[in-house]
Protein backbone atom coordinates (compact mmCIF):
# COMPACT_ATOMS: atom_id res chain seq x y z
CA MET A 1 18.15 -5.22 -14.12
CA SER A 2 21.63 -6.59 -14.90
CA GLY A 3 22.16 -8.82 -17.94
CA ALA A 4 19.91 -11.86 -17.98
CA SER A 5 19.52 -11.82 -14.19
CA LYS A 6 16.14 -11.79 -12.52
CA ILE A 7 17.41 -9.20 -10.05
CA TRP A 8 16.07 -5.66 -10.30
CA SER A 9 17.56 -2.67 -8.49
CA THR A 10 14.36 -1.44 -6.81
CA ALA A 11 10.81 -2.55 -6.19
CA ALA A 12 9.58 0.33 -8.34
CA GLU A 13 11.65 -0.85 -11.31
CA ALA A 14 10.49 -4.44 -10.83
CA LEU A 15 6.84 -3.34 -11.01
CA HIS A 16 7.36 -1.04 -13.98
CA GLU A 17 5.09 -1.85 -16.93
CA VAL A 18 3.63 -5.02 -15.35
CA VAL A 19 0.89 -3.36 -13.26
CA HIS A 20 -1.98 -1.57 -14.97
CA ASP A 21 -5.40 -0.21 -14.03
CA GLY A 22 -7.70 -3.14 -13.33
CA SER A 23 -4.90 -5.66 -12.66
CA VAL A 24 -5.51 -8.67 -10.42
CA ILE A 25 -2.76 -8.73 -7.78
CA ALA A 26 -2.17 -11.64 -5.38
CA VAL A 27 -0.20 -10.67 -2.29
CA GLY A 28 1.48 -12.88 0.32
CA GLY A 29 1.38 -12.28 4.04
CA PHE A 30 -0.87 -12.91 7.02
CA GLY A 31 -1.78 -9.84 9.02
CA LEU A 32 1.49 -7.92 8.89
CA SER A 33 3.69 -11.03 8.95
CA GLY A 34 5.46 -11.87 5.71
CA ASN A 35 4.13 -8.85 3.86
CA PRO A 36 6.08 -7.81 0.74
CA THR A 37 6.20 -4.28 2.14
CA ASP A 38 8.59 -2.76 -0.39
CA LEU A 39 6.52 -4.12 -3.25
CA ILE A 40 3.24 -2.93 -1.68
CA GLU A 41 4.66 0.58 -1.34
CA ALA A 42 5.90 0.46 -4.93
CA LEU A 43 2.46 -0.72 -6.04
CA ARG A 44 0.92 2.25 -4.26
CA ASP A 45 3.35 4.56 -6.02
CA THR A 46 2.35 3.26 -9.47
CA GLY A 47 -1.00 5.00 -8.97
CA ALA A 48 -2.76 2.08 -10.70
CA THR A 49 -6.49 2.02 -9.87
CA GLY A 50 -9.38 -0.41 -10.08
CA LEU A 51 -7.18 -3.17 -8.67
CA THR A 52 -8.45 -6.55 -7.51
CA ILE A 53 -6.41 -7.67 -4.51
CA VAL A 54 -6.25 -11.35 -3.55
CA SER A 55 -4.83 -11.77 -0.06
CA ASN A 56 -5.65 -13.41 3.24
CA ASN A 57 -6.43 -9.95 4.63
CA MET A 58 -5.96 -6.26 3.87
CA GLY A 59 -3.45 -5.34 6.55
CA VAL A 60 -4.36 -2.65 9.07
CA ASP A 61 -5.06 1.05 8.78
CA GLY A 62 -1.95 2.74 7.42
CA LYS A 63 0.13 -0.42 7.10
CA GLY A 64 0.47 -3.30 4.65
CA LEU A 65 -2.27 -3.41 2.05
CA GLY A 66 -4.09 -0.74 4.03
CA LEU A 67 -1.87 1.72 2.13
CA LEU A 68 -3.66 0.85 -1.12
CA LEU A 69 -7.05 1.41 0.50
CA GLU A 70 -5.94 4.81 1.72
CA ASN A 71 -4.92 5.69 -1.84
CA ARG A 72 -8.29 4.52 -3.24
CA GLN A 73 -6.60 2.10 -5.65
CA VAL A 74 -8.61 -1.02 -4.80
CA ALA A 75 -11.97 -1.84 -6.40
CA ARG A 76 -12.34 -5.48 -5.33
CA VAL A 77 -10.93 -7.73 -2.63
CA ILE A 78 -10.87 -11.51 -2.37
CA ALA A 79 -9.91 -12.30 1.23
CA SER A 80 -10.72 -14.46 4.21
CA TYR A 81 -10.25 -12.01 7.09
CA VAL A 82 -10.45 -8.23 7.25
CA GLY A 83 -11.42 -7.43 10.83
CA GLU A 84 -8.43 -5.23 11.73
CA ASN A 85 -8.97 -2.52 9.11
CA ARG A 86 -11.55 0.21 9.83
CA LEU A 87 -11.03 1.91 6.45
CA PHE A 88 -11.76 -1.38 4.69
CA ALA A 89 -15.05 -1.71 6.54
CA GLN A 90 -15.99 1.90 5.78
CA GLN A 91 -15.25 1.61 2.06
CA TYR A 92 -17.26 -1.61 1.90
CA LEU A 93 -20.24 -0.02 3.67
CA ASP A 94 -19.98 3.04 1.41
CA GLY A 95 -20.19 0.82 -1.67
CA VAL A 96 -16.71 1.84 -2.83
CA LEU A 97 -15.26 -1.64 -2.39
CA GLU A 98 -16.54 -4.99 -3.67
CA VAL A 99 -15.67 -7.88 -1.36
CA GLU A 100 -15.64 -11.62 -1.93
CA PHE A 101 -15.18 -13.41 1.38
CA THR A 102 -13.60 -16.83 1.02
CA PRO A 103 -12.95 -19.36 3.80
CA GLN A 104 -9.26 -19.35 4.62
CA GLY A 105 -8.55 -22.93 3.60
CA THR A 106 -10.56 -22.46 0.42
CA LEU A 107 -8.58 -19.35 -0.44
CA ALA A 108 -5.32 -21.24 0.06
CA GLU A 109 -6.56 -24.06 -2.18
CA ARG A 110 -7.81 -21.65 -4.85
CA LEU A 111 -4.34 -20.12 -5.05
CA ARG A 112 -2.67 -23.54 -5.06
CA ALA A 113 -5.06 -24.75 -7.76
CA GLY A 114 -4.44 -21.70 -9.92
CA GLY A 115 -0.70 -22.22 -9.64
CA ALA A 116 -1.06 -25.89 -10.54
CA GLY A 117 -3.18 -25.22 -13.62
CA ILE A 118 -6.37 -26.57 -12.03
CA ALA A 119 -9.39 -24.56 -13.14
CA GLY A 120 -11.64 -25.55 -10.24
CA PHE A 121 -12.30 -28.04 -7.45
CA TYR A 122 -15.17 -29.17 -5.26
CA THR A 123 -15.24 -28.64 -1.48
CA LYS A 124 -17.76 -29.10 1.34
CA THR A 125 -16.61 -25.87 2.98
CA GLY A 126 -19.35 -23.26 2.68
CA VAL A 127 -22.16 -25.62 1.72
CA GLY A 128 -25.48 -24.25 2.98
CA THR A 129 -24.04 -20.79 3.68
CA PRO A 130 -23.87 -17.52 1.69
CA VAL A 131 -20.45 -18.68 0.46
CA ALA A 132 -22.25 -21.21 -1.75
CA GLU A 133 -24.63 -18.74 -3.39
CA GLY A 134 -24.47 -18.89 -7.18
CA LYS A 135 -21.95 -21.74 -7.24
CA PRO A 136 -22.57 -25.14 -8.88
CA VAL A 137 -23.28 -27.98 -6.45
CA GLU A 138 -22.53 -31.65 -7.08
CA LEU A 139 -23.14 -34.74 -4.96
CA PHE A 140 -20.20 -37.00 -4.12
CA ASP A 141 -21.00 -40.14 -2.12
CA GLY A 142 -24.34 -38.56 -1.36
CA GLU A 143 -22.83 -35.37 0.09
CA PRO A 144 -23.11 -31.88 -1.49
CA TYR A 145 -19.96 -30.09 -2.58
CA ILE A 146 -19.62 -26.62 -4.13
CA LEU A 147 -17.39 -25.69 -7.05
CA GLU A 148 -14.63 -23.18 -6.33
CA ARG A 149 -12.49 -21.65 -9.07
CA GLY A 150 -8.71 -21.60 -9.04
CA ILE A 151 -7.14 -18.13 -8.86
CA VAL A 152 -4.56 -16.93 -11.37
CA ALA A 153 -3.37 -13.36 -10.80
CA ASP A 154 -1.86 -11.00 -13.32
CA VAL A 155 0.91 -10.26 -10.82
CA ALA A 156 1.90 -11.99 -7.57
CA LEU A 157 3.92 -10.20 -4.86
CA VAL A 158 5.74 -12.21 -2.18
CA HIS A 159 8.24 -11.74 0.63
CA ALA A 160 11.01 -14.26 1.33
CA TRP A 161 13.82 -14.50 3.86
CA LEU A 162 16.47 -15.86 1.46
CA ALA A 163 16.78 -16.00 -2.32
CA ASP A 164 19.48 -16.86 -4.82
CA ARG A 165 19.99 -15.09 -8.11
CA GLU A 166 17.70 -17.51 -9.95
CA GLY A 167 14.78 -16.69 -7.68
CA ASN A 168 14.74 -19.84 -5.57
CA LEU A 169 13.10 -18.80 -2.30
CA VAL A 170 13.22 -19.77 1.38
CA TYR A 171 10.80 -18.27 3.92
CA ARG A 172 11.28 -17.79 7.65
CA ARG A 173 8.92 -19.35 10.16
CA THR A 174 5.40 -17.87 10.29
CA ALA A 175 6.31 -15.31 7.61
CA ARG A 176 6.01 -18.23 5.21
CA ASN A 177 2.17 -18.31 5.52
CA PHE A 178 0.47 -17.59 2.16
CA ASN A 179 3.65 -16.61 0.31
CA PRO A 180 4.47 -19.99 -1.32
CA LEU A 181 0.89 -20.35 -2.61
CA VAL A 182 0.78 -16.80 -3.93
CA ALA A 183 4.17 -17.25 -5.63
CA THR A 184 2.82 -20.00 -7.88
CA ALA A 185 -0.43 -18.23 -8.75
CA GLY A 186 0.91 -15.22 -10.66
CA ARG A 187 1.43 -14.93 -14.39
CA ILE A 188 4.30 -12.70 -13.30
CA THR A 189 5.68 -13.24 -9.79
CA ILE A 190 7.86 -10.61 -8.16
CA ALA A 191 9.66 -11.52 -4.95
CA GLU A 192 11.43 -9.36 -2.40
CA ALA A 193 13.97 -11.14 -0.21
CA GLU A 194 15.74 -10.01 2.93
CA GLN A 195 18.93 -11.68 1.70
CA VAL A 196 19.99 -12.48 -1.86
CA THR A 197 22.95 -14.85 -2.05
CA ASP A 198 25.31 -15.43 -4.97
CA ASP A 199 25.52 -19.08 -3.96
CA TRP A 200 22.91 -21.65 -4.98
CA ILE A 201 20.44 -22.52 -2.26
CA ASP A 202 20.50 -26.20 -1.35
CA PRO A 203 17.66 -27.72 -3.40
CA ASP A 204 16.40 -29.56 -0.32
CA ALA A 205 15.88 -26.19 1.40
CA VAL A 206 14.07 -24.47 -1.48
CA VAL A 207 10.38 -23.81 -0.83
CA THR A 208 9.50 -21.88 -4.01
CA PRO A 209 11.53 -22.97 -7.07
CA GLY A 210 12.88 -20.11 -9.14
CA ILE A 211 10.89 -21.19 -12.19
CA PHE A 212 7.89 -19.50 -10.55
CA VAL A 213 9.72 -16.19 -9.98
CA GLN A 214 10.29 -13.75 -12.82
CA ARG A 215 11.65 -10.74 -10.91
CA LEU A 216 13.55 -10.36 -7.65
CA VAL A 217 14.56 -7.41 -5.46
CA THR A 218 16.45 -7.11 -2.19
CA ALA A 219 14.10 -5.90 0.55
CA ARG A 220 15.13 -2.79 2.44
CA PRO A 221 16.01 -3.35 6.12
CA ARG A 222 13.13 -2.17 8.29
CA VAL A 223 11.53 -2.74 11.66
CA LYS A 224 8.91 -5.45 11.26
CA ASP A 225 5.48 -4.38 12.44
CA ILE A 226 3.45 -6.53 14.81
CA GLU A 227 -0.30 -6.45 14.24
CA GLN A 228 -1.24 -7.29 17.82
CA ARG A 229 1.22 -7.71 20.66
CA THR A 230 -0.08 -10.00 23.40
CA VAL A 231 1.97 -10.82 26.47
CA ARG A 232 1.26 -12.72 29.65
CA PRO A 233 1.12 -10.68 32.88
CA ARG A 234 4.37 -10.69 34.85
CA ILE A 235 4.30 -13.20 37.69
CA THR A 236 6.08 -12.09 40.84
CA ALA A 237 7.71 -14.61 43.14
CA ASP A 238 6.06 -15.14 46.52
CA ALA A 239 7.95 -13.55 49.38
């Protein structure tokens, strides 16, 4: 870290002394899109165990958050979709991993609420299903709603396309996904950005204001993985 800047030299340095055994870590990304890959690898290298991971999903085998599963660092997961990771399923069936499934929109709102200082909110999503088990129910206009708690993580890890030195962030297309919500929900938020500019980002373009970001690193250039590649069959012209 240089002077009073938020910029740290490496992901490992940015994570130093902020991640501990049992930490709750919120992570941006959707599948393998928008994953803070450098920070995930640095989190793996801390060796911290008993982690609770809050994320839309747990990556795939050997990639993304799947790296933490391979290293047996995760004790609990709060997620909405995990169907692409065989190791996740095996650890859950073996009783190694505790899982809290949350509807995707509810997970997004729980992160947004936590970042906004809202302790909880009522939603119809999940009423009458296992999602509602053990949760308070209230009637509004004669309809049942369940109480969901906001999520505040010890550490939030996000990936951005562009950042300035104060941590203002801009995301790129679908890689935006859960990252802005996760960025607000951490007591300490660490961002990796593909580009870090010395100029101020136009305030009208900022998605995550720098006040939410405590530490920033430049992401290493790498080939971006695609979780599932689907293409249409080639159509040949009639003779």
